[in-house]
N, C-alpha and C. Protein backbone atom coordinates (compact mmCIF):
# COMPACT_ATOMS: atom_id res chain seq x y z
N MET A 1 61.30 -2.99 -28.45
CA MET A 1 61.74 -1.73 -28.00
C MET A 1 61.90 -0.54 -29.04
N ASP A 2 62.54 -1.18 -30.18
CA ASP A 2 62.79 -0.53 -31.46
C ASP A 2 61.34 0.10 -32.24
N GLU A 3 60.70 -0.96 -32.13
CA GLU A 3 59.34 -0.87 -32.65
C GLU A 3 58.47 0.50 -31.91
N GLU A 4 59.06 0.41 -30.61
CA GLU A 4 58.22 1.59 -29.95
C GLU A 4 58.76 2.92 -30.07
N ILE A 5 60.15 3.02 -30.37
CA ILE A 5 60.71 4.24 -30.72
C ILE A 5 60.30 4.45 -31.94
N PHE A 6 60.35 3.84 -33.15
CA PHE A 6 59.87 4.17 -34.29
C PHE A 6 58.21 4.86 -34.31
N THR A 7 57.55 3.80 -33.61
CA THR A 7 56.10 4.48 -33.42
C THR A 7 56.10 5.76 -32.98
N GLU A 8 56.98 6.25 -31.73
CA GLU A 8 56.92 7.46 -31.21
C GLU A 8 57.76 8.49 -32.17
N GLU A 9 58.40 8.13 -32.71
CA GLU A 9 59.18 9.39 -33.98
C GLU A 9 58.21 9.21 -34.91
N GLU A 10 57.23 8.29 -35.60
CA GLU A 10 56.25 8.65 -36.47
C GLU A 10 55.32 9.47 -36.09
N ALA A 11 54.98 9.26 -34.56
CA ALA A 11 54.01 10.52 -34.34
C ALA A 11 54.45 11.65 -34.08
N ILE A 12 55.64 11.80 -33.57
CA ILE A 12 56.31 13.10 -33.78
C ILE A 12 56.52 13.93 -35.19
N ARG A 13 56.81 13.15 -36.04
CA ARG A 13 56.83 13.46 -37.23
C ARG A 13 55.79 14.05 -37.77
N ASN A 14 54.38 13.22 -37.90
CA ASN A 14 53.06 13.72 -38.20
C ASN A 14 52.82 14.65 -37.34
N ASP A 15 52.78 14.80 -36.09
CA ASP A 15 52.16 16.28 -35.21
C ASP A 15 53.07 17.36 -36.03
N ILE A 16 54.15 17.10 -36.39
CA ILE A 16 55.02 18.47 -36.83
C ILE A 16 54.49 18.90 -38.18
N GLN A 17 54.51 17.81 -39.00
CA GLN A 17 53.83 18.24 -40.43
C GLN A 17 52.41 18.90 -40.27
N SER A 18 51.55 18.14 -39.47
CA SER A 18 50.32 18.74 -39.31
C SER A 18 50.29 20.03 -38.71
N ARG A 19 51.07 20.45 -37.55
CA ARG A 19 50.95 21.86 -36.96
C ARG A 19 51.88 22.99 -38.25
N ILE A 20 52.75 22.48 -38.70
CA ILE A 20 53.84 23.62 -39.50
C ILE A 20 52.98 23.81 -40.63
N GLY A 21 51.89 22.63 -41.41
CA GLY A 21 51.24 22.94 -42.21
C GLY A 21 50.10 24.35 -42.47
N GLU A 22 49.87 24.37 -41.17
CA GLU A 22 49.20 25.76 -41.12
C GLU A 22 49.59 27.07 -41.34
N VAL A 23 51.13 27.06 -41.18
CA VAL A 23 52.12 28.16 -41.07
C VAL A 23 52.38 28.80 -42.26
N GLU A 24 52.37 29.85 -42.65
CA GLU A 24 52.94 30.55 -44.05
C GLU A 24 54.29 29.92 -44.27
N LYS A 25 54.73 30.05 -45.45
CA LYS A 25 55.96 29.36 -46.14
C LYS A 25 56.96 30.61 -46.21
N GLU A 26 57.12 31.31 -44.96
CA GLU A 26 57.63 32.46 -45.00
C GLU A 26 59.05 32.14 -43.91
N ARG A 27 60.34 32.55 -44.57
CA ARG A 27 61.41 32.45 -43.76
C ARG A 27 61.31 33.02 -42.20
N LYS A 28 60.53 34.35 -42.21
CA LYS A 28 60.29 34.73 -40.90
C LYS A 28 59.88 34.18 -39.63
N HIS A 29 58.97 32.94 -40.19
CA HIS A 29 58.41 32.05 -39.31
C HIS A 29 59.26 31.28 -38.82
N LEU A 30 60.50 31.14 -39.02
CA LEU A 30 61.70 29.96 -38.81
C LEU A 30 61.78 30.02 -37.20
N ILE A 31 62.18 30.83 -36.40
CA ILE A 31 62.36 30.57 -35.00
C ILE A 31 60.78 30.41 -34.25
N PRO A 32 59.66 30.86 -34.63
CA PRO A 32 58.25 30.10 -34.24
C PRO A 32 58.17 29.15 -34.04
N ILE A 33 58.52 28.48 -35.46
CA ILE A 33 58.17 26.98 -35.52
C ILE A 33 58.91 26.20 -35.02
N LEU A 34 60.13 26.88 -34.80
CA LEU A 34 61.15 25.86 -33.92
C LEU A 34 60.81 25.95 -32.28
N GLN A 35 60.21 27.37 -31.90
CA GLN A 35 59.71 27.10 -30.72
C GLN A 35 58.31 26.72 -30.47
N MET A 36 57.59 26.55 -31.38
CA MET A 36 56.34 25.44 -31.38
C MET A 36 56.79 24.25 -31.27
N ILE A 37 57.69 23.66 -31.77
CA ILE A 37 57.79 22.55 -31.76
C ILE A 37 58.76 21.97 -30.70
N GLN A 38 59.55 22.65 -30.44
CA GLN A 38 60.33 22.41 -28.96
C GLN A 38 59.01 22.70 -27.56
N GLU A 39 58.22 23.53 -27.77
CA GLU A 39 57.45 23.67 -26.47
C GLU A 39 56.26 22.47 -26.57
N ARG A 40 56.13 22.00 -27.87
CA ARG A 40 55.21 20.75 -27.94
C ARG A 40 56.00 19.26 -27.50
N HIS A 41 57.18 19.32 -28.20
CA HIS A 41 58.09 17.95 -28.09
C HIS A 41 59.27 18.22 -27.06
N ALA A 42 59.00 19.27 -26.45
CA ALA A 42 60.51 19.41 -25.32
C ALA A 42 61.87 19.25 -26.01
N TYR A 43 61.79 19.30 -27.27
CA TYR A 43 63.09 19.45 -27.86
C TYR A 43 63.17 19.38 -29.50
N LEU A 44 64.00 19.40 -30.12
CA LEU A 44 63.73 19.39 -31.60
C LEU A 44 64.61 18.07 -32.19
N PRO A 45 63.46 16.98 -32.88
CA PRO A 45 64.14 16.04 -33.26
C PRO A 45 64.82 16.18 -34.62
N PRO A 46 65.70 15.59 -34.81
CA PRO A 46 66.44 15.77 -36.03
C PRO A 46 65.59 15.81 -37.05
N GLU A 47 64.66 14.93 -37.42
CA GLU A 47 63.80 14.81 -38.59
C GLU A 47 62.75 16.13 -38.77
N ALA A 48 62.95 16.90 -37.28
CA ALA A 48 61.98 18.18 -37.70
C ALA A 48 62.70 19.11 -38.12
N ILE A 49 64.25 19.06 -38.22
CA ILE A 49 65.02 20.39 -38.73
C ILE A 49 64.73 20.14 -40.10
N LYS A 50 64.96 18.95 -40.88
CA LYS A 50 64.45 18.74 -42.38
C LYS A 50 62.93 18.98 -42.57
N ILE A 51 62.02 18.64 -41.88
CA ILE A 51 60.77 19.15 -41.90
C ILE A 51 60.73 20.62 -42.01
N VAL A 52 61.09 21.51 -41.54
CA VAL A 52 61.07 22.77 -41.34
C VAL A 52 61.56 23.39 -42.38
N ALA A 53 62.75 22.84 -42.82
CA ALA A 53 63.62 23.17 -44.02
C ALA A 53 62.80 23.09 -45.19
N GLU A 54 62.20 21.78 -45.54
CA GLU A 54 61.35 21.53 -46.49
C GLU A 54 60.01 22.59 -46.77
N HIS A 55 59.52 22.76 -45.51
CA HIS A 55 57.98 23.33 -45.64
C HIS A 55 58.66 24.95 -46.10
N LEU A 56 59.85 25.52 -45.52
CA LEU A 56 60.24 26.69 -45.52
C LEU A 56 60.82 27.05 -46.93
N LYS A 57 61.20 26.02 -47.36
CA LYS A 57 61.93 25.98 -48.88
C LYS A 57 63.66 26.73 -48.64
N ILE A 58 64.07 26.68 -47.39
CA ILE A 58 65.41 26.94 -46.97
C ILE A 58 66.23 25.48 -46.90
N PRO A 59 67.67 25.81 -47.16
CA PRO A 59 68.63 24.59 -46.93
C PRO A 59 68.28 24.09 -45.60
N ILE A 60 68.64 22.77 -45.14
CA ILE A 60 68.54 22.31 -44.00
C ILE A 60 69.77 23.17 -43.05
N CYS A 61 70.91 23.07 -43.63
CA CYS A 61 71.94 23.73 -42.72
C CYS A 61 71.51 25.08 -42.22
N GLU A 62 70.72 25.79 -42.79
CA GLU A 62 70.39 27.26 -42.66
C GLU A 62 69.33 26.95 -41.09
N VAL A 63 68.39 25.96 -41.27
CA VAL A 63 67.58 25.61 -40.07
C VAL A 63 68.43 25.08 -38.95
N TYR A 64 69.37 24.55 -39.38
CA TYR A 64 70.02 24.09 -38.01
C TYR A 64 71.00 25.14 -37.73
N GLY A 65 71.70 25.98 -38.53
CA GLY A 65 72.17 26.98 -38.23
C GLY A 65 71.97 27.98 -37.31
N VAL A 66 70.24 28.34 -37.15
CA VAL A 66 69.76 29.10 -36.51
C VAL A 66 69.09 28.58 -35.12
N ALA A 67 68.83 27.29 -35.38
CA ALA A 67 68.48 26.55 -33.91
C ALA A 67 69.82 26.27 -33.01
N THR A 68 70.62 25.93 -33.64
CA THR A 68 72.14 26.04 -32.62
C THR A 68 72.51 27.17 -32.21
N PHE A 69 72.32 28.11 -32.77
CA PHE A 69 72.82 29.70 -32.46
C PHE A 69 71.92 30.05 -31.29
N TYR A 70 70.74 29.40 -30.86
CA TYR A 70 69.99 30.22 -29.96
C TYR A 70 70.06 28.96 -28.70
N ASN A 71 70.66 29.21 -27.69
CA ASN A 71 70.60 28.39 -26.32
C ASN A 71 69.49 27.57 -26.03
N GLN A 72 68.35 28.32 -26.20
CA GLN A 72 66.92 27.83 -26.14
C GLN A 72 66.64 26.28 -26.52
N PHE A 73 67.07 26.11 -27.34
CA PHE A 73 66.71 24.89 -28.19
C PHE A 73 67.93 23.57 -27.77
N ARG A 74 66.68 22.41 -27.64
CA ARG A 74 67.65 21.54 -27.22
C ARG A 74 67.13 20.52 -28.38
N PHE A 75 68.32 19.12 -28.48
CA PHE A 75 68.31 18.51 -29.50
C PHE A 75 68.35 16.83 -29.22
N HIS A 76 68.31 17.05 -28.17
CA HIS A 76 67.97 15.41 -27.40
C HIS A 76 66.33 15.69 -26.41
N PRO A 77 65.90 14.46 -26.40
CA PRO A 77 64.83 14.79 -25.37
C PRO A 77 65.24 14.75 -23.79
N PRO A 78 64.53 15.76 -23.05
CA PRO A 78 65.37 15.56 -21.59
C PRO A 78 64.37 14.09 -21.06
N GLY A 79 65.14 13.92 -19.80
CA GLY A 79 64.89 13.29 -18.89
C GLY A 79 63.37 12.98 -18.72
N ARG A 80 62.82 12.03 -17.99
CA ARG A 80 61.60 12.15 -17.38
C ARG A 80 61.82 12.95 -16.03
N HIS A 81 63.13 12.76 -15.36
CA HIS A 81 63.74 13.87 -14.09
C HIS A 81 64.67 14.81 -14.58
N PRO A 82 64.28 15.84 -15.24
CA PRO A 82 65.29 17.04 -15.63
C PRO A 82 66.12 17.30 -14.61
N ILE A 83 67.34 17.79 -14.64
CA ILE A 83 68.25 18.25 -13.72
C ILE A 83 68.98 19.41 -13.86
N LYS A 84 68.51 20.74 -13.58
CA LYS A 84 69.52 21.60 -14.15
C LYS A 84 70.09 22.22 -12.41
N VAL A 85 71.19 22.78 -13.20
CA VAL A 85 72.36 23.23 -12.00
C VAL A 85 73.04 24.66 -12.47
N CYS A 86 72.57 25.31 -11.42
CA CYS A 86 72.83 26.74 -11.34
C CYS A 86 74.27 26.89 -11.73
N LEU A 87 74.66 27.69 -12.75
CA LEU A 87 76.15 28.13 -12.34
C LEU A 87 76.26 30.04 -13.01
N GLY A 88 75.29 30.45 -12.23
CA GLY A 88 75.89 31.91 -12.47
C GLY A 88 76.41 31.98 -11.22
N THR A 89 76.75 33.59 -11.06
CA THR A 89 77.89 34.22 -10.36
C THR A 89 78.10 33.25 -8.94
N ALA A 90 76.64 33.82 -7.98
CA ALA A 90 76.79 33.06 -6.52
C ALA A 90 76.92 31.80 -6.54
N CYS A 91 76.27 31.00 -7.71
CA CYS A 91 76.43 29.29 -7.35
C CYS A 91 77.71 29.14 -8.04
N HIS A 92 78.30 29.52 -8.70
CA HIS A 92 79.90 29.27 -9.44
C HIS A 92 80.71 29.49 -8.25
N VAL A 93 80.41 30.43 -7.71
CA VAL A 93 81.49 30.97 -6.44
C VAL A 93 81.53 30.03 -5.13
N ARG A 94 80.38 29.61 -5.10
CA ARG A 94 80.04 28.72 -4.11
C ARG A 94 80.20 26.78 -4.56
N ALA A 95 81.01 26.84 -5.45
CA ALA A 95 81.24 25.37 -6.30
C ALA A 95 80.20 24.52 -6.72
N GLY A 96 79.31 25.61 -7.50
CA GLY A 96 78.06 24.99 -8.36
C GLY A 96 78.89 23.97 -9.21
N ASP A 97 80.03 24.20 -9.76
CA ASP A 97 80.52 23.33 -11.00
C ASP A 97 80.96 22.02 -10.43
N ILE A 98 80.97 21.99 -9.26
CA ILE A 98 81.49 20.57 -8.79
C ILE A 98 80.18 19.73 -8.36
N ILE A 99 78.84 20.34 -7.98
CA ILE A 99 77.70 19.99 -7.78
C ILE A 99 77.10 19.50 -9.34
N LEU A 100 77.71 20.16 -10.34
CA LEU A 100 77.45 19.66 -11.84
C LEU A 100 78.31 18.28 -11.73
N GLU A 101 79.48 18.26 -11.58
CA GLU A 101 80.28 17.31 -11.94
C GLU A 101 79.70 16.12 -11.27
N ASN A 102 79.53 16.10 -9.76
CA ASN A 102 78.67 14.92 -9.05
C ASN A 102 77.80 14.32 -9.86
N PHE A 103 76.57 15.16 -10.27
CA PHE A 103 75.75 14.74 -11.16
C PHE A 103 75.96 14.20 -12.31
N GLU A 104 76.82 14.33 -12.72
CA GLU A 104 77.44 13.86 -14.11
C GLU A 104 78.32 12.85 -13.82
N ARG A 105 78.85 12.49 -12.74
CA ARG A 105 79.51 11.28 -12.58
C ARG A 105 78.51 10.40 -12.23
N LYS A 106 77.42 10.48 -10.99
CA LYS A 106 76.70 9.54 -10.50
C LYS A 106 75.86 9.21 -11.69
N LEU A 107 75.67 10.13 -12.82
CA LEU A 107 74.58 9.62 -13.79
C LEU A 107 75.31 9.01 -14.77
N GLU A 108 76.74 9.34 -15.09
CA GLU A 108 77.32 8.68 -16.13
C GLU A 108 76.92 9.49 -17.54
N ILE A 109 76.52 10.74 -17.33
CA ILE A 109 76.14 11.57 -18.50
C ILE A 109 77.19 12.69 -18.33
N LYS A 110 76.76 13.71 -19.59
CA LYS A 110 77.24 15.09 -19.61
C LYS A 110 76.31 16.26 -19.56
N ASP A 111 76.53 17.45 -19.20
CA ASP A 111 75.65 18.25 -19.49
C ASP A 111 74.97 18.61 -21.03
N GLY A 112 73.64 18.21 -21.08
CA GLY A 112 73.03 18.19 -22.07
C GLY A 112 72.73 17.21 -22.62
N GLU A 113 72.84 16.24 -21.96
CA GLU A 113 72.73 14.45 -22.35
C GLU A 113 71.68 14.12 -21.31
N THR A 114 71.09 12.87 -22.08
CA THR A 114 69.86 12.46 -21.14
C THR A 114 70.50 10.54 -20.75
N THR A 115 70.15 10.28 -19.64
CA THR A 115 70.65 8.75 -19.62
C THR A 115 69.92 7.92 -20.68
N PRO A 116 70.53 7.02 -21.15
CA PRO A 116 70.11 5.85 -21.97
C PRO A 116 68.75 5.48 -21.50
N ASP A 117 68.38 5.30 -20.20
CA ASP A 117 67.00 4.68 -19.84
C ASP A 117 66.02 5.87 -19.71
N LYS A 118 66.47 7.15 -20.18
CA LYS A 118 65.61 8.47 -20.52
C LYS A 118 65.05 8.80 -19.15
N GLU A 119 65.83 8.39 -17.85
CA GLU A 119 65.16 8.73 -16.59
C GLU A 119 65.74 10.20 -16.12
N PHE A 120 66.93 10.28 -16.58
CA PHE A 120 67.36 11.69 -15.99
C PHE A 120 68.37 12.39 -17.44
N SER A 121 67.99 13.67 -17.26
CA SER A 121 69.10 14.42 -18.08
C SER A 121 69.47 15.79 -17.11
N ILE A 122 70.96 16.44 -17.49
CA ILE A 122 71.54 17.22 -16.88
C ILE A 122 71.48 18.67 -17.85
N GLU A 123 71.31 19.51 -17.32
CA GLU A 123 71.42 20.89 -17.89
C GLU A 123 72.16 21.78 -17.26
N ARG A 124 72.95 22.48 -17.53
CA ARG A 124 73.59 23.90 -16.98
C ARG A 124 72.97 25.13 -17.28
N VAL A 125 72.25 25.71 -16.12
CA VAL A 125 71.88 26.99 -16.41
C VAL A 125 72.46 28.14 -16.01
N ALA A 126 72.72 29.60 -16.28
CA ALA A 126 73.09 30.47 -16.07
C ALA A 126 72.67 31.24 -14.67
N CYS A 127 71.22 31.18 -14.81
CA CYS A 127 71.10 31.68 -13.20
C CYS A 127 69.61 31.33 -13.15
N VAL A 128 69.06 30.84 -11.97
CA VAL A 128 67.70 30.67 -11.31
C VAL A 128 67.06 31.38 -10.87
N GLY A 129 67.93 32.32 -10.22
CA GLY A 129 67.42 33.88 -9.41
C GLY A 129 67.08 33.25 -7.99
N CYS A 130 67.85 32.11 -7.55
CA CYS A 130 67.91 31.88 -5.89
C CYS A 130 69.05 32.30 -5.16
N CYS A 131 69.94 33.20 -5.69
CA CYS A 131 71.10 33.51 -5.34
C CYS A 131 71.48 33.10 -3.67
N ALA A 132 70.51 33.53 -3.23
CA ALA A 132 70.84 33.57 -1.11
C ALA A 132 70.89 31.97 -1.24
N LEU A 133 70.47 31.01 -1.82
CA LEU A 133 70.54 29.77 -1.67
C LEU A 133 71.55 29.07 -2.13
N ALA A 134 72.81 29.90 -2.52
CA ALA A 134 73.44 29.19 -3.58
C ALA A 134 74.56 27.96 -2.90
N PRO A 135 75.15 27.04 -3.52
CA PRO A 135 74.67 26.56 -5.00
C PRO A 135 73.46 25.99 -4.90
N VAL A 136 72.55 26.34 -5.93
CA VAL A 136 71.40 25.38 -6.35
C VAL A 136 71.22 24.45 -7.47
N ALA A 137 70.33 23.70 -7.47
CA ALA A 137 70.09 22.75 -8.20
C ALA A 137 68.55 22.28 -8.37
N ILE A 138 68.01 22.57 -9.49
CA ILE A 138 66.68 22.07 -9.67
C ILE A 138 66.41 20.70 -10.36
N VAL A 139 65.43 19.78 -9.45
CA VAL A 139 65.20 18.52 -9.81
C VAL A 139 64.06 18.35 -9.99
N ASP A 140 63.44 17.81 -10.98
CA ASP A 140 61.58 17.84 -11.31
C ASP A 140 60.96 19.21 -10.77
N ASP A 141 61.77 20.41 -10.70
CA ASP A 141 60.79 21.76 -10.81
C ASP A 141 60.99 21.91 -9.58
N THR A 142 61.83 20.97 -8.70
CA THR A 142 61.75 21.27 -7.18
C THR A 142 63.26 21.90 -6.91
N VAL A 143 63.44 23.53 -6.18
CA VAL A 143 64.37 23.99 -6.22
C VAL A 143 65.24 23.43 -4.92
N HIS A 144 66.45 23.03 -5.01
CA HIS A 144 67.31 22.52 -3.73
C HIS A 144 68.48 23.57 -3.60
N GLY A 145 68.52 24.16 -2.52
CA GLY A 145 69.17 25.08 -2.50
C GLY A 145 69.95 24.59 -1.28
N ARG A 146 71.44 25.52 -1.20
CA ARG A 146 72.50 25.23 -0.15
C ARG A 146 73.07 23.69 -0.86
N MET A 147 72.91 23.12 -1.67
CA MET A 147 73.73 22.02 -2.07
C MET A 147 74.87 21.57 -1.87
N ALA A 148 75.15 20.31 -1.61
CA ALA A 148 76.66 19.78 -1.15
C ALA A 148 76.84 18.53 -2.01
N PRO A 149 77.84 18.40 -2.20
CA PRO A 149 78.01 17.20 -3.15
C PRO A 149 77.46 15.96 -2.49
N SER A 150 77.80 15.76 -1.24
CA SER A 150 76.88 14.97 -1.00
C SER A 150 75.26 14.32 -0.86
N LYS A 151 74.52 15.79 -1.25
CA LYS A 151 73.22 15.89 -1.15
C LYS A 151 73.04 15.12 -2.51
N VAL A 152 73.73 15.14 -3.57
CA VAL A 152 73.38 14.72 -5.18
C VAL A 152 73.21 13.20 -5.15
N GLU A 153 73.52 12.30 -4.19
CA GLU A 153 73.32 10.99 -4.37
C GLU A 153 72.30 10.94 -3.83
N GLY A 154 71.91 11.38 -2.58
CA GLY A 154 70.65 11.82 -1.80
C GLY A 154 69.38 11.78 -2.45
N LEU A 155 69.64 12.59 -3.57
CA LEU A 155 68.34 13.23 -4.19
C LEU A 155 68.39 12.03 -5.38
N LEU A 156 69.33 11.59 -5.90
CA LEU A 156 69.07 10.49 -6.87
C LEU A 156 68.57 9.30 -6.16
N LEU A 157 68.82 8.87 -4.80
CA LEU A 157 68.48 7.80 -4.41
C LEU A 157 66.61 7.96 -4.11
N ARG A 158 66.54 8.98 -3.88
CA ARG A 158 65.13 9.36 -3.69
C ARG A 158 64.27 9.01 -4.70
N ILE A 159 64.82 9.50 -5.73
CA ILE A 159 63.73 9.48 -6.97
C ILE A 159 63.96 7.76 -7.21
N GLN A 160 64.95 7.19 -7.23
CA GLN A 160 64.86 5.59 -7.61
C GLN A 160 63.89 5.03 -6.29
N ILE A 161 63.98 5.13 -5.33
CA ILE A 161 63.17 4.81 -4.40
C ILE A 161 61.63 4.91 -4.66
N GLU A 162 61.47 6.40 -4.91
CA GLU A 162 59.81 6.73 -5.49
C GLU A 162 59.71 5.75 -6.31
N LYS A 163 60.39 5.79 -7.31
CA LYS A 163 60.17 5.05 -8.75
C LYS A 163 59.63 3.54 -8.64
N GLU A 164 60.71 2.89 -7.66
CA GLU A 164 60.54 1.54 -7.18
C GLU A 164 58.94 1.11 -6.51
N LYS A 165 58.68 2.48 -5.29
CA LYS A 165 57.54 2.22 -4.77
C LYS A 165 56.34 2.20 -5.68
N ALA A 166 56.13 3.20 -6.78
CA ALA A 166 55.05 3.29 -7.22
C ALA A 166 55.09 2.32 -8.37
N GLU A 167 56.12 1.40 -8.89
CA GLU A 167 56.06 0.20 -9.42
C GLU A 167 55.44 -0.91 -8.76
N ARG A 168 55.65 -0.75 -7.32
CA ARG A 168 55.15 -2.05 -6.52
C ARG A 168 53.83 -1.76 -6.42
N GLU A 169 53.33 -0.45 -6.26
CA GLU A 169 52.08 -0.20 -6.09
C GLU A 169 50.98 -0.18 -7.20
N LYS A 170 51.55 -0.14 -8.34
CA LYS A 170 50.90 -0.49 -9.88
C LYS A 170 50.84 -1.66 -9.81
N GLN A 171 51.78 -2.97 -9.20
CA GLN A 171 51.89 -4.33 -9.49
C GLN A 171 50.77 -4.67 -8.35
N LYS A 172 50.43 -4.24 -7.37
CA LYS A 172 49.35 -4.52 -6.52
C LYS A 172 48.22 -4.37 -7.03
N SER A 173 47.83 -3.34 -7.81
CA SER A 173 46.88 -2.97 -8.41
C SER A 173 46.22 -3.62 -9.20
N GLU A 174 47.36 -4.05 -10.19
CA GLU A 174 47.17 -5.12 -11.31
C GLU A 174 46.60 -6.41 -10.96
N ASN A 175 47.37 -6.93 -9.70
CA ASN A 175 46.80 -8.23 -9.07
C ASN A 175 45.28 -8.36 -8.53
């Protein structure tokens, strides 16, 4: 497992170095570089901050400061099943925070975190534009409106069942 993680990190590092090598070494390119890395890898690995700082010849703390200033940047890889819970005005008024708390309790992670098996990640969002369906959660890009605390466990269970079904199908095809 550790070797797999090391290989993955090495591939990410090499990819980032090759991509930013083509970008001029000017500070004005900092945000576009960070956006490019996040678009490609879905988050900013710690090594990316160092690589960008070295490339642009600016302090690591400056790159990190810019990246943490903007809430668009993630510092942890998202799970295979990203969960976004809306806490915009309509969702907040209709107890969106309770929906978020239920996801956090069931998955044993907090907002902005990913489960250790990398299956799920949770993120609170300001608004998803489905106010008439409040409260809303988005799981795997599917909008789930009129969420209730009791629906949280059902959604997670459905994903687990689908995963187990896919694994059984894979085993059948291998045999």
